[in-house]
N, C-alpha and C. Protein backbone atom coordinates (compact mmCIF):
# COMPACT_ATOMS: atom_id res chain seq x y z
N MET A 1 0.68 -1.08 -0.10
CA MET A 1 -0.14 -0.11 0.17
C MET A 1 0.74 1.73 -0.07
N LYS A 2 1.99 1.27 0.39
CA LYS A 2 2.51 1.98 0.73
C LYS A 2 3.73 2.31 -0.82
N ARG A 3 3.70 1.27 -1.36
CA ARG A 3 4.03 1.77 -2.56
C ARG A 3 2.95 2.34 -3.78
N LEU A 4 2.10 1.77 -3.31
CA LEU A 4 0.70 2.22 -4.28
C LEU A 4 0.64 3.69 -3.93
N THR A 5 0.84 4.30 -3.06
CA THR A 5 0.39 5.58 -2.14
C THR A 5 1.58 6.49 -3.11
N MET A 6 2.29 6.07 -3.13
CA MET A 6 3.57 7.10 -3.45
C MET A 6 3.46 6.89 -5.20
N SER A 7 2.67 5.82 -5.64
CA SER A 7 2.43 5.96 -7.05
C SER A 7 1.62 6.88 -7.24
N LEU A 8 0.60 6.82 -6.51
CA LEU A 8 -0.82 7.78 -7.03
C LEU A 8 -0.30 9.23 -6.72
N VAL A 9 0.51 9.82 -5.63
CA VAL A 9 1.37 10.57 -5.41
C VAL A 9 2.19 11.22 -7.27
N ALA A 10 2.82 10.25 -7.28
CA ALA A 10 4.03 10.71 -8.58
C ALA A 10 2.97 10.86 -9.80
N LEU A 11 1.81 10.42 -9.58
CA LEU A 11 0.80 10.23 -10.75
C LEU A 11 0.37 11.74 -10.78
N ALA A 12 -0.11 12.12 -9.79
CA ALA A 12 -1.35 13.26 -9.38
C ALA A 12 0.00 14.24 -9.67
N THR A 13 1.08 14.14 -9.13
CA THR A 13 2.15 15.46 -9.60
C THR A 13 2.30 15.72 -11.03
N SER A 14 1.84 14.82 -11.78
CA SER A 14 2.43 14.98 -13.52
C SER A 14 0.85 15.69 -14.02
N ALA A 15 -0.31 15.63 -13.20
CA ALA A 15 -1.00 16.30 -13.78
C ALA A 15 -0.79 17.69 -13.84
N THR A 16 0.17 18.10 -13.10
CA THR A 16 0.50 19.86 -13.28
C THR A 16 0.92 20.25 -14.52
N VAL A 17 1.38 18.97 -15.36
CA VAL A 17 2.14 19.82 -16.49
C VAL A 17 1.41 19.28 -18.09
N ILE A 18 0.12 18.71 -17.95
CA ILE A 18 -0.61 18.09 -18.98
C ILE A 18 -1.53 19.59 -19.59
N GLY A 19 -1.72 20.70 -19.18
CA GLY A 19 -2.59 21.47 -19.69
C GLY A 19 -2.32 21.77 -21.08
N GLY A 20 -0.89 22.06 -21.23
CA GLY A 20 -0.37 22.02 -23.26
C GLY A 20 -0.35 20.67 -23.55
N ALA A 21 -1.31 19.37 -23.66
CA ALA A 21 -0.57 18.58 -24.04
C ALA A 21 -1.62 18.19 -25.31
N LEU A 22 -2.00 18.86 -25.69
CA LEU A 22 -3.15 18.53 -27.12
C LEU A 22 -2.41 19.40 -28.13
N PRO A 23 -1.77 18.86 -28.75
CA PRO A 23 -0.92 19.30 -29.78
C PRO A 23 -1.72 19.14 -31.03
N ALA A 24 -1.93 20.30 -32.06
CA ALA A 24 -2.45 19.85 -33.34
C ALA A 24 -2.06 19.26 -34.01
N GLN A 25 -2.33 18.09 -34.53
CA GLN A 25 -1.33 17.22 -36.15
C GLN A 25 -2.33 17.20 -37.03
N ALA A 26 -1.46 17.75 -38.26
CA ALA A 26 -1.94 17.94 -39.25
C ALA A 26 -2.42 17.05 -40.36
N GLN A 27 -3.51 16.92 -40.75
CA GLN A 27 -4.12 15.50 -41.74
C GLN A 27 -4.64 16.26 -43.18
N SER A 28 -4.47 15.55 -44.25
CA SER A 28 -4.85 16.04 -45.46
C SER A 28 -6.35 15.52 -45.41
N GLN A 29 -7.07 16.56 -46.11
CA GLN A 29 -8.91 16.43 -45.96
C GLN A 29 -8.83 16.54 -47.82
N ALA A 30 -8.06 16.28 -48.22
CA ALA A 30 -8.22 16.27 -49.79
C ALA A 30 -9.30 15.34 -50.33
N GLN A 31 -9.24 13.94 -50.04
CA GLN A 31 -10.03 13.07 -50.12
C GLN A 31 -11.26 12.62 -49.20
N ALA A 32 -11.20 13.06 -48.13
CA ALA A 32 -11.64 12.48 -47.02
C ALA A 32 -13.13 13.14 -47.18
N PRO A 33 -14.17 12.42 -46.32
CA PRO A 33 -15.65 13.39 -46.45
C PRO A 33 -15.47 13.99 -45.00
N LYS A 34 -16.22 15.00 -45.24
CA LYS A 34 -16.58 16.16 -44.45
C LYS A 34 -16.90 15.23 -42.73
N GLU A 35 -15.96 15.58 -41.76
CA GLU A 35 -16.46 14.68 -40.81
C GLU A 35 -17.61 15.49 -39.86
N LYS A 36 -18.72 15.26 -39.28
CA LYS A 36 -19.35 16.06 -38.27
C LYS A 36 -19.13 16.34 -37.20
N GLU A 37 -19.29 16.78 -36.45
CA GLU A 37 -18.72 17.45 -34.90
C GLU A 37 -19.36 17.30 -33.60
N LYS A 38 -20.23 16.00 -33.56
CA LYS A 38 -20.94 15.63 -32.30
C LYS A 38 -19.98 14.76 -31.55
N SER A 39 -19.77 15.48 -30.41
CA SER A 39 -18.74 15.24 -29.19
C SER A 39 -19.04 13.89 -28.83
N LEU A 40 -17.88 13.27 -27.99
CA LEU A 40 -17.90 12.04 -27.35
C LEU A 40 -18.54 12.18 -26.24
N VAL A 41 -18.64 13.11 -25.58
CA VAL A 41 -19.53 13.46 -24.16
C VAL A 41 -21.36 13.48 -24.48
N GLN A 42 -21.34 13.96 -25.98
CA GLN A 42 -22.90 13.75 -26.07
C GLN A 42 -23.18 12.63 -26.75
N VAL A 43 -22.00 11.60 -26.85
CA VAL A 43 -22.74 10.34 -26.89
C VAL A 43 -22.48 9.60 -25.60
N LEU A 44 -21.75 9.89 -24.91
CA LEU A 44 -21.75 9.12 -23.51
C LEU A 44 -22.78 9.08 -22.81
N THR A 45 -23.14 10.34 -22.87
CA THR A 45 -24.81 11.11 -22.23
C THR A 45 -25.61 10.64 -22.77
N SER A 46 -26.06 10.47 -23.80
CA SER A 46 -27.37 9.87 -24.57
C SER A 46 -28.23 8.91 -23.64
N ASP A 47 -27.34 8.18 -22.86
CA ASP A 47 -28.21 7.29 -22.34
C ASP A 47 -28.38 7.59 -20.83
N GLY A 48 -28.73 8.72 -20.69
CA GLY A 48 -29.56 9.35 -19.64
C GLY A 48 -28.48 9.58 -18.32
N ASN A 49 -27.00 9.40 -18.68
CA ASN A 49 -25.99 9.71 -17.62
C ASN A 49 -25.96 9.77 -16.17
N ARG A 50 -26.22 8.22 -16.09
CA ARG A 50 -26.81 7.56 -14.46
C ARG A 50 -25.99 6.24 -14.35
N PHE A 51 -25.78 5.90 -13.44
CA PHE A 51 -25.03 4.73 -12.83
C PHE A 51 -26.34 3.77 -13.23
N ASP A 52 -25.91 2.62 -13.73
CA ASP A 52 -26.76 1.43 -13.84
C ASP A 52 -25.88 0.33 -13.31
N LYS A 53 -26.57 -0.67 -14.26
CA LYS A 53 -25.95 -2.27 -13.84
C LYS A 53 -25.64 -3.13 -14.82
N ASN A 54 -25.25 -2.29 -15.58
CA ASN A 54 -24.63 -2.91 -17.16
C ASN A 54 -22.78 -2.36 -17.10
N LYS A 55 -22.34 -3.66 -16.84
CA LYS A 55 -21.32 -3.13 -16.31
C LYS A 55 -19.96 -3.00 -18.07
N ALA A 56 -21.06 -3.19 -19.06
CA ALA A 56 -20.37 -2.91 -20.71
C ALA A 56 -20.64 -1.73 -21.20
N ASP A 57 -20.77 -0.61 -20.40
CA ASP A 57 -21.12 0.68 -20.78
C ASP A 57 -20.56 1.24 -20.21
N PHE A 58 -20.38 2.83 -20.28
CA PHE A 58 -19.10 3.69 -20.02
C PHE A 58 -19.50 4.86 -18.85
N ASP A 59 -20.41 4.54 -17.98
CA ASP A 59 -20.77 5.19 -16.96
C ASP A 59 -20.05 5.81 -15.86
N ILE A 60 -18.99 5.20 -15.68
CA ILE A 60 -17.52 5.81 -14.53
C ILE A 60 -16.68 6.56 -15.17
N LEU A 61 -16.60 6.10 -16.33
CA LEU A 61 -15.44 7.07 -17.18
C LEU A 61 -16.30 8.16 -18.15
N THR A 62 -17.92 8.16 -18.36
CA THR A 62 -18.38 9.36 -18.04
C THR A 62 -18.51 10.51 -17.02
N GLU A 63 -18.67 9.93 -16.04
CA GLU A 63 -19.04 10.42 -14.25
C GLU A 63 -17.53 11.40 -14.14
N ALA A 64 -16.35 10.16 -14.39
CA ALA A 64 -15.10 10.85 -13.85
C ALA A 64 -14.58 12.03 -14.78
N ALA A 65 -14.82 12.20 -16.04
CA ALA A 65 -14.98 13.06 -17.02
C ALA A 65 -15.51 14.50 -16.65
N LEU A 66 -17.02 14.33 -16.20
CA LEU A 66 -17.68 14.96 -15.87
C LEU A 66 -16.94 15.81 -14.10
N ALA A 67 -16.37 15.14 -13.31
CA ALA A 67 -16.31 15.50 -12.17
C ALA A 67 -14.93 16.35 -12.98
N ILE A 68 -14.26 16.05 -13.37
CA ILE A 68 -13.27 16.84 -13.55
C ILE A 68 -13.45 17.62 -13.97
N VAL A 69 -13.99 17.88 -14.97
CA VAL A 69 -14.31 19.78 -15.78
C VAL A 69 -15.23 20.35 -14.64
N ALA A 70 -16.10 19.79 -14.14
CA ALA A 70 -16.74 20.69 -12.55
C ALA A 70 -15.75 21.23 -11.51
N ALA A 71 -14.52 20.15 -11.74
CA ALA A 71 -13.81 20.27 -10.23
C ALA A 71 -12.72 21.59 -11.04
N LYS A 72 -12.25 20.96 -12.30
CA LYS A 72 -11.24 21.85 -12.66
C LYS A 72 -11.85 22.65 -14.36
N PRO A 73 -12.44 23.39 -14.32
CA PRO A 73 -12.85 23.78 -15.96
C PRO A 73 -12.15 24.07 -16.97
N ASP A 74 -10.91 24.04 -16.72
CA ASP A 74 -9.73 24.72 -17.91
C ASP A 74 -9.19 23.10 -18.14
N SER A 75 -9.64 22.06 -17.57
CA SER A 75 -8.98 20.74 -17.97
C SER A 75 -8.78 20.41 -19.08
N PRO A 76 -8.04 19.67 -19.77
CA PRO A 76 -7.95 19.18 -21.39
C PRO A 76 -9.00 18.36 -21.22
N VAL A 77 -9.27 18.16 -20.42
CA VAL A 77 -10.67 16.76 -20.39
C VAL A 77 -11.81 17.58 -21.29
N ALA A 78 -12.06 18.58 -20.92
CA ALA A 78 -13.02 19.57 -21.39
C ALA A 78 -13.58 19.42 -22.91
N LEU A 79 -12.71 19.12 -23.61
CA LEU A 79 -12.20 18.90 -24.87
C LEU A 79 -12.92 17.76 -25.57
N LEU A 80 -13.27 16.72 -24.89
CA LEU A 80 -14.10 15.73 -25.19
C LEU A 80 -15.55 16.58 -25.47
N ALA A 81 -15.89 17.39 -24.97
CA ALA A 81 -16.84 17.60 -25.31
C ALA A 81 -16.93 19.13 -26.28
N ASP A 82 -15.94 18.99 -26.85
CA ASP A 82 -16.03 20.12 -28.14
C ASP A 82 -15.77 19.03 -29.31
N GLY A 83 -16.79 18.94 -30.15
CA GLY A 83 -16.93 18.06 -31.05
C GLY A 83 -15.93 18.42 -32.14
N SER A 84 -15.59 19.90 -32.63
CA SER A 84 -14.85 20.49 -33.19
C SER A 84 -13.36 19.90 -33.13
N VAL A 85 -12.87 19.52 -32.36
CA VAL A 85 -11.63 18.75 -32.13
C VAL A 85 -11.43 17.15 -32.17
N LYS A 86 -10.42 17.20 -32.99
CA LYS A 86 -9.80 15.60 -33.60
C LYS A 86 -9.39 14.84 -32.08
N LEU A 87 -10.28 14.03 -32.06
CA LEU A 87 -9.10 13.11 -31.16
C LEU A 87 -9.67 11.52 -31.45
N THR A 88 -9.04 10.79 -30.94
CA THR A 88 -9.74 9.67 -30.25
C THR A 88 -9.23 8.73 -29.05
N ALA A 89 -10.31 8.36 -28.49
CA ALA A 89 -10.49 8.18 -27.04
C ALA A 89 -10.67 6.50 -26.96
N PHE A 90 -9.44 5.46 -26.19
CA PHE A 90 -9.84 4.53 -25.98
C PHE A 90 -10.82 4.46 -24.60
N ALA A 91 -11.64 3.91 -24.45
CA ALA A 91 -12.71 3.88 -23.56
C ALA A 91 -13.14 2.59 -22.72
N PRO A 92 -12.17 2.83 -21.38
CA PRO A 92 -12.22 1.61 -20.43
C PRO A 92 -13.75 1.74 -19.99
N THR A 93 -14.77 0.22 -20.45
CA THR A 93 -15.80 0.19 -19.71
C THR A 93 -15.74 -0.02 -17.89
N ASP A 94 -17.47 0.21 -17.77
CA ASP A 94 -17.38 -0.13 -16.05
C ASP A 94 -16.74 -1.14 -15.54
N GLN A 95 -16.88 -2.31 -16.08
CA GLN A 95 -15.93 -3.48 -15.59
C GLN A 95 -14.49 -3.20 -15.44
N ALA A 96 -13.77 -2.55 -16.56
CA ALA A 96 -12.28 -2.26 -16.59
C ALA A 96 -11.87 -1.65 -15.09
N PHE A 97 -12.93 -0.63 -14.93
CA PHE A 97 -12.55 0.50 -14.06
C PHE A 97 -12.68 -0.37 -12.56
N ARG A 98 -13.43 -1.80 -12.96
CA ARG A 98 -14.11 -2.56 -11.53
C ARG A 98 -12.68 -3.28 -11.35
N LEU A 99 -12.05 -3.96 -12.39
CA LEU A 99 -10.87 -4.51 -12.02
C LEU A 99 -9.71 -3.40 -11.90
N LEU A 100 -9.43 -2.21 -12.18
CA LEU A 100 -8.47 -1.73 -11.41
C LEU A 100 -8.73 -1.49 -10.07
N ALA A 101 -10.40 -1.04 -9.52
CA ALA A 101 -10.20 -1.14 -8.02
C ALA A 101 -9.90 -2.54 -7.55
N LYS A 102 -9.99 -3.51 -8.08
CA LYS A 102 -9.79 -4.98 -7.57
C LYS A 102 -8.10 -4.66 -7.16
N ASP A 103 -7.46 -4.47 -8.22
CA ASP A 103 -6.27 -4.61 -8.13
C ASP A 103 -5.59 -3.42 -7.15
N LEU A 104 -6.08 -2.19 -6.61
CA LEU A 104 -5.87 -1.21 -6.06
C LEU A 104 -6.25 -1.41 -4.64
N THR A 105 -7.25 -1.92 -4.44
CA THR A 105 -8.13 -2.31 -2.90
C THR A 105 -7.86 -3.60 -2.70
N GLY A 106 -7.85 -4.38 -3.56
CA GLY A 106 -8.47 -5.88 -3.53
C GLY A 106 -9.66 -5.81 -2.77
N LYS A 107 -10.56 -5.29 -3.28
CA LYS A 107 -12.03 -5.77 -3.23
C LYS A 107 -12.63 -5.54 -4.38
N THR A 108 -13.87 -6.25 -4.60
CA THR A 108 -14.84 -6.33 -5.91
C THR A 108 -15.56 -5.32 -5.42
N ILE A 109 -15.68 -4.43 -5.94
CA ILE A 109 -16.86 -3.25 -6.09
C ILE A 109 -17.95 -3.19 -6.96
N ARG A 110 -19.35 -3.55 -6.75
CA ARG A 110 -20.13 -3.94 -7.93
C ARG A 110 -21.03 -2.96 -7.87
N ASN A 111 -21.38 -1.97 -7.06
CA ASN A 111 -22.31 -1.03 -7.36
C ASN A 111 -21.43 0.14 -8.13
N GLU A 112 -21.62 0.77 -9.05
CA GLU A 112 -20.87 1.89 -9.67
C GLU A 112 -20.77 3.01 -9.07
N GLU A 113 -21.63 3.76 -8.31
CA GLU A 113 -21.53 4.94 -7.97
C GLU A 113 -20.77 4.40 -6.53
N LYS A 114 -20.42 3.35 -6.10
CA LYS A 114 -19.52 3.18 -4.77
C LYS A 114 -18.34 3.13 -5.31
N LEU A 115 -18.40 2.23 -6.93
CA LEU A 115 -17.00 1.98 -7.45
C LEU A 115 -16.58 3.14 -7.72
N PHE A 116 -17.23 4.21 -8.27
CA PHE A 116 -16.84 5.76 -8.77
C PHE A 116 -16.08 6.22 -7.40
N THR A 117 -16.98 6.30 -6.16
CA THR A 117 -16.51 7.31 -4.93
C THR A 117 -15.38 6.60 -4.68
N ALA A 118 -15.23 5.38 -4.56
CA ALA A 118 -14.02 4.79 -4.21
C ALA A 118 -12.57 5.00 -4.84
N LEU A 119 -12.57 5.09 -5.85
CA LEU A 119 -11.87 5.26 -6.94
C LEU A 119 -11.46 7.14 -6.50
N VAL A 120 -12.25 8.07 -6.70
CA VAL A 120 -11.77 9.21 -6.43
C VAL A 120 -11.31 9.45 -4.96
N ASP A 121 -12.14 9.04 -4.32
CA ASP A 121 -11.21 8.98 -2.76
C ASP A 121 -9.95 8.37 -2.57
N LEU A 122 -9.75 7.32 -3.41
CA LEU A 122 -8.35 6.60 -3.29
C LEU A 122 -7.17 7.48 -4.17
N ALA A 123 -7.28 7.98 -5.44
CA ALA A 123 -6.58 8.15 -6.28
C ALA A 123 -6.72 10.05 -6.26
N GLY A 124 -7.84 10.93 -6.24
CA GLY A 124 -8.25 12.02 -6.06
C GLY A 124 -8.06 12.74 -7.67
N VAL A 125 -9.03 14.24 -7.87
CA VAL A 125 -9.50 14.23 -9.26
C VAL A 125 -7.90 14.34 -10.25
N ASP A 126 -6.65 14.95 -9.37
CA ASP A 126 -5.91 15.19 -10.41
C ASP A 126 -5.20 13.82 -10.85
N THR A 127 -5.01 12.47 -10.39
CA THR A 127 -4.82 11.37 -11.09
C THR A 127 -5.81 10.92 -11.62
N ILE A 128 -6.83 11.33 -11.54
CA ILE A 128 -8.08 10.50 -12.23
C ILE A 128 -7.63 11.47 -13.78
N GLU A 129 -7.33 12.73 -13.81
CA GLU A 129 -7.63 13.09 -14.57
C GLU A 129 -6.58 13.03 -15.86
N THR A 130 -5.27 12.65 -14.96
CA THR A 130 -4.06 12.28 -15.81
C THR A 130 -4.40 10.97 -16.31
N VAL A 131 -4.66 9.88 -15.50
CA VAL A 131 -5.38 9.08 -16.04
C VAL A 131 -6.25 8.98 -17.27
N LEU A 132 -7.18 9.78 -17.16
CA LEU A 132 -7.91 9.77 -18.27
C LEU A 132 -7.18 10.40 -19.37
N LEU A 133 -6.30 11.54 -19.39
CA LEU A 133 -6.06 11.61 -20.56
C LEU A 133 -4.90 10.75 -21.06
N TYR A 134 -4.74 10.36 -20.50
CA TYR A 134 -3.67 9.03 -20.92
C TYR A 134 -4.09 8.03 -22.22
N HIS A 135 -5.31 7.88 -22.16
CA HIS A 135 -6.47 7.16 -22.74
C HIS A 135 -7.05 8.09 -24.08
N VAL A 136 -6.54 9.07 -24.27
CA VAL A 136 -7.04 10.03 -24.93
C VAL A 136 -5.54 10.41 -26.51
N VAL A 137 -6.05 10.23 -28.21
CA VAL A 137 -4.85 10.46 -28.60
C VAL A 137 -5.15 11.69 -29.02
N PRO A 138 -5.02 12.75 -29.49
CA PRO A 138 -5.40 14.40 -29.91
C PRO A 138 -5.13 14.58 -30.72
N GLY A 139 -5.59 15.02 -32.20
CA GLY A 139 -5.47 15.75 -33.16
C GLY A 139 -5.53 14.97 -34.47
N SER A 140 -5.86 13.31 -33.81
CA SER A 140 -6.42 12.23 -35.14
C SER A 140 -7.36 11.79 -35.04
N THR A 141 -8.31 10.99 -35.78
CA THR A 141 -9.41 10.29 -35.43
C THR A 141 -9.33 9.14 -36.12
N LEU A 142 -8.75 8.21 -35.29
CA LEU A 142 -8.48 6.69 -35.89
C LEU A 142 -9.42 6.22 -36.08
N ASN A 143 -9.92 5.64 -37.24
CA ASN A 143 -11.13 4.52 -36.58
C ASN A 143 -10.53 3.38 -36.89
N SER A 144 -11.19 2.42 -36.88
CA SER A 144 -11.03 0.90 -36.52
C SER A 144 -10.06 0.31 -37.37
N LYS A 145 -10.25 0.85 -39.06
CA LYS A 145 -9.56 0.43 -39.64
C LYS A 145 -7.86 0.75 -39.95
N LYS A 146 -7.72 1.86 -39.69
CA LYS A 146 -6.66 2.64 -38.98
C LYS A 146 -5.88 2.59 -37.98
N VAL A 147 -6.55 1.60 -36.98
CA VAL A 147 -6.26 1.00 -35.83
C VAL A 147 -5.12 -0.48 -36.12
N LEU A 148 -6.48 -0.99 -37.49
CA LEU A 148 -5.50 -1.98 -37.27
C LEU A 148 -4.31 -2.45 -38.26
N LYS A 149 -3.98 -1.15 -38.76
CA LYS A 149 -3.18 -1.27 -39.71
C LYS A 149 -1.70 -0.88 -38.57
N SER A 150 -2.30 -0.13 -37.60
CA SER A 150 -1.12 0.13 -36.52
C SER A 150 -0.24 -0.29 -35.89
N ASN A 151 0.16 -1.73 -36.33
CA ASN A 151 0.94 -2.61 -35.49
C ASN A 151 2.19 -2.13 -34.75
N ASN A 152 2.68 -2.23 -33.98
CA ASN A 152 4.20 -1.54 -33.08
C ASN A 152 3.67 0.03 -33.21
N ALA A 153 3.08 0.65 -33.65
CA ALA A 153 2.95 2.01 -33.54
C ALA A 153 2.72 2.41 -31.92
N ARG A 154 3.64 3.47 -31.76
CA ARG A 154 3.29 4.19 -30.17
C ARG A 154 2.47 5.54 -30.51
N LEU A 155 1.54 5.33 -29.70
CA LEU A 155 0.71 7.09 -29.98
C LEU A 155 0.92 7.89 -28.52
N THR A 156 1.02 8.63 -29.05
CA THR A 156 1.34 9.88 -27.55
C THR A 156 0.33 10.07 -27.57
N THR A 157 -0.51 10.54 -26.19
CA THR A 157 -1.23 11.05 -25.51
C THR A 157 -1.49 12.07 -25.06
N ALA A 158 -2.49 12.60 -24.42
CA ALA A 158 -3.12 13.92 -24.05
C ALA A 158 -1.91 14.27 -22.91
N GLN A 159 -1.90 13.14 -22.09
CA GLN A 159 -1.07 12.71 -20.93
C GLN A 159 0.44 13.30 -21.47
N GLY A 160 0.94 13.09 -22.25
CA GLY A 160 2.24 13.32 -22.66
C GLY A 160 2.76 11.40 -22.97
N GLY A 161 2.35 11.11 -22.15
CA GLY A 161 3.10 9.43 -22.51
C GLY A 161 2.39 8.58 -24.02
N LYS A 162 3.30 7.64 -24.03
CA LYS A 162 2.79 6.88 -25.24
C LYS A 162 2.39 5.30 -25.03
N VAL A 163 1.51 5.34 -25.81
CA VAL A 163 1.22 3.34 -25.90
C VAL A 163 1.33 3.10 -26.98
N LYS A 164 1.84 1.61 -26.92
CA LYS A 164 2.28 0.56 -28.27
C LYS A 164 1.29 0.25 -28.33
N VAL A 165 1.12 0.04 -29.93
CA VAL A 165 -0.29 -1.06 -30.52
C VAL A 165 0.30 -2.11 -30.84
N LYS A 166 -0.26 -2.87 -30.79
CA LYS A 166 0.23 -4.90 -30.97
C LYS A 166 -0.96 -5.42 -31.37
N ILE A 167 -0.94 -5.47 -32.84
CA ILE A 167 -2.24 -6.12 -33.34
C ILE A 167 -2.23 -7.63 -33.61
N GLY A 168 -2.67 -8.63 -32.95
CA GLY A 168 -2.81 -10.03 -33.18
C GLY A 168 -4.01 -10.76 -33.48
N LYS A 169 -4.22 -11.96 -33.68
CA LYS A 169 -5.57 -12.84 -34.18
C LYS A 169 -5.29 -13.96 -33.44
N ASN A 170 -7.15 -14.04 -33.12
CA ASN A 170 -7.18 -15.28 -32.54
C ASN A 170 -8.49 -16.11 -33.26
N HIS A 171 -9.15 -16.86 -33.11
CA HIS A 171 -9.79 -17.75 -33.39
C HIS A 171 -11.19 -16.87 -33.44
N GLU A 172 -11.72 -16.06 -32.77
CA GLU A 172 -13.01 -14.68 -33.13
C GLU A 172 -11.98 -13.64 -34.15
N GLY A 173 -11.06 -13.27 -34.53
CA GLY A 173 -10.67 -12.24 -35.30
C GLY A 173 -9.57 -11.48 -34.50
N PRO A 174 -9.57 -10.10 -35.08
CA PRO A 174 -8.50 -9.39 -34.97
C PRO A 174 -8.06 -9.13 -33.46
N VAL A 175 -7.22 -9.25 -32.67
CA VAL A 175 -6.87 -8.90 -31.49
C VAL A 175 -6.01 -7.69 -31.33
N VAL A 176 -6.27 -6.58 -30.76
CA VAL A 176 -5.89 -5.10 -30.78
C VAL A 176 -5.74 -5.00 -29.35
N ARG A 177 -4.38 -5.10 -28.84
CA ARG A 177 -3.70 -5.17 -27.40
C ARG A 177 -3.05 -3.75 -27.57
N LEU A 178 -3.23 -3.07 -26.38
CA LEU A 178 -2.66 -1.34 -25.92
C LEU A 178 -1.67 -1.62 -24.76
N VAL A 179 -0.18 -1.22 -24.93
CA VAL A 179 0.87 -1.84 -23.95
C VAL A 179 1.01 -0.37 -23.32
N ASP A 180 0.74 -0.41 -21.80
CA ASP A 180 1.06 0.93 -21.31
C ASP A 180 2.27 0.84 -20.33
N LYS A 181 2.31 1.58 -19.17
CA LYS A 181 3.55 1.81 -18.72
C LYS A 181 3.73 0.94 -17.62
N ASP A 182 2.39 0.16 -17.25
CA ASP A 182 2.67 -0.73 -15.95
C ASP A 182 3.00 -2.19 -16.38
N ARG A 183 4.16 -2.64 -16.08
CA ARG A 183 4.39 -3.93 -16.83
C ARG A 183 4.16 -5.10 -16.32
N ASP A 184 3.87 -5.03 -14.82
CA ASP A 184 3.08 -6.40 -14.68
C ASP A 184 1.54 -6.47 -14.58
N ALA A 185 1.17 -5.63 -14.81
CA ALA A 185 -0.69 -6.22 -15.03
C ALA A 185 -0.83 -6.45 -16.69
N LYS A 186 -2.22 -6.96 -16.70
CA LYS A 186 -2.96 -7.35 -18.36
C LYS A 186 -2.68 -5.83 -19.39
N ASP A 187 -2.41 -6.12 -20.31
CA ASP A 187 -2.70 -5.15 -21.03
C ASP A 187 -3.92 -4.90 -21.56
N PRO A 188 -4.43 -3.62 -21.65
CA PRO A 188 -5.97 -3.95 -21.97
C PRO A 188 -6.18 -3.92 -23.68
N LYS A 189 -7.31 -4.61 -24.08
CA LYS A 189 -7.54 -5.06 -25.31
C LYS A 189 -8.82 -4.29 -26.02
N ALA A 190 -8.61 -3.93 -26.86
CA ALA A 190 -10.29 -3.53 -27.55
C ALA A 190 -11.01 -4.71 -27.94
N ILE A 191 -12.73 -3.76 -27.20
CA ILE A 191 -13.69 -4.69 -27.40
C ILE A 191 -14.19 -4.79 -29.10
N LEU A 192 -14.02 -5.58 -29.27
CA LEU A 192 -14.64 -6.06 -31.09
C LEU A 192 -15.87 -5.54 -31.11
N GLY A 193 -16.78 -5.75 -29.85
CA GLY A 193 -17.77 -5.33 -30.34
C GLY A 193 -18.29 -3.94 -29.45
N ALA A 194 -17.26 -3.03 -29.65
CA ALA A 194 -17.27 -1.74 -29.16
C ALA A 194 -16.42 -0.91 -29.63
N LEU A 195 -15.96 -1.03 -31.12
CA LEU A 195 -15.83 -0.02 -31.90
C LEU A 195 -16.51 0.93 -32.50
N ASP A 196 -15.43 2.07 -32.77
CA ASP A 196 -15.96 3.00 -33.93
C ASP A 196 -17.04 3.63 -33.01
N ILE A 197 -17.07 4.24 -31.39
CA ILE A 197 -18.04 5.15 -31.16
C ILE A 197 -17.84 5.99 -31.49
N ASN A 198 -18.90 6.33 -32.31
CA ASN A 198 -19.50 8.02 -32.63
C ASN A 198 -18.85 8.07 -34.10
N LYS A 199 -19.03 7.12 -34.76
CA LYS A 199 -18.08 7.04 -36.52
C LYS A 199 -18.77 7.82 -37.12
N GLY A 200 -17.76 8.28 -37.72
CA GLY A 200 -18.36 9.54 -39.02
C GLY A 200 -17.79 11.29 -37.89
N ASN A 201 -17.68 11.05 -37.19
CA ASN A 201 -17.55 12.46 -36.29
C ASN A 201 -16.17 12.58 -36.06
N LYS A 202 -15.65 13.67 -35.73
CA LYS A 202 -13.96 14.29 -35.57
C LYS A 202 -13.98 13.45 -34.44
N GLN A 203 -14.33 13.00 -33.12
CA GLN A 203 -14.19 12.42 -32.18
C GLN A 203 -14.61 11.05 -32.59
N ILE A 204 -13.96 10.15 -31.67
CA ILE A 204 -13.99 8.67 -32.08
C ILE A 204 -13.43 8.19 -30.53
N ALA A 205 -14.02 6.78 -30.29
CA ALA A 205 -13.60 5.96 -29.30
C ALA A 205 -13.56 4.91 -29.75
N HIS A 206 -13.20 4.01 -29.00
CA HIS A 206 -12.87 2.59 -29.04
C HIS A 206 -13.34 1.93 -27.49
N GLY A 207 -13.93 1.22 -27.36
CA GLY A 207 -13.77 0.55 -25.87
C GLY A 207 -12.59 -0.77 -25.50
N ILE A 208 -12.97 -0.85 -24.15
CA ILE A 208 -11.09 -1.61 -23.99
C ILE A 208 -11.63 -2.22 -22.57
N ASP A 209 -11.36 -3.37 -22.22
CA ASP A 209 -11.50 -3.89 -21.61
C ASP A 209 -10.47 -3.80 -20.18
N ARG A 210 -9.61 -3.14 -19.72
CA ARG A 210 -8.85 -2.66 -18.64
C ARG A 210 -8.77 -1.15 -18.96
N VAL A 211 -8.42 -0.65 -17.96
CA VAL A 211 -7.59 0.58 -17.49
C VAL A 211 -6.58 0.50 -17.67
N LEU A 212 -5.89 1.66 -18.80
CA LEU A 212 -4.40 2.17 -19.20
C LEU A 212 -4.06 2.76 -18.27
N ARG A 213 -2.23 2.32 -17.71
CA ARG A 213 -2.23 2.36 -16.65
C ARG A 213 -0.50 3.71 -17.27
N PRO A 214 -0.83 5.00 -16.68
CA PRO A 214 0.33 6.07 -17.34
C PRO A 214 1.82 5.47 -16.59
N ILE A 215 1.98 4.93 -15.56
CA ILE A 215 3.05 4.16 -14.74
C ILE A 215 2.88 2.89 -14.05
N ASN A 216 4.12 2.33 -14.17
CA ASN A 216 3.82 1.18 -13.41
C ASN A 216 3.54 1.44 -11.83
N LEU A 217 2.88 0.56 -11.54
CA LEU A 217 2.46 0.68 -9.96
C LEU A 217 2.22 -0.87 -9.35
């Protein structure tokens, strides 16, 4: 627990340098159809913006993003609500956050609201902000076709760290694994049934089964 506490403090400290971490990346628009500007926040809150019993959706991610913006209005996380800004988000499901909480606390918390509260109490808003920004690739709209062609690519995140893409295959089809900074934990994988969320817009998301970790916990 002491090592975990020190790691969370270090992660929270890194949040102080993320304010300018959203660089613009030029992309050719010559042949591309015009993208729409519906934001990811609009999509993620369209189910009523409430905790429920569906572990496969994104309530905890949504509430975390809204809590950060409420506490820190100038946070780069607010760009998830600006559909004119290109970005790609790897979105952990509620089950992914449950697995994170189990790793951090040793307890399985099934109630989503209690799970969200436990994570905020344990890590703090600054740490959660840093973790969320580690899931965002700014400046690019990477649909699933582009991601599947990105084997061994290192994506620079809004947090400033990198995530490596590894493409494999099993009997069900392609496997997209995201290699983060935690060498001891299982790497998150893309959920094939939750790809291309908000497709056709400048902001796109892909569901993942674990939370990306920007440090080695």
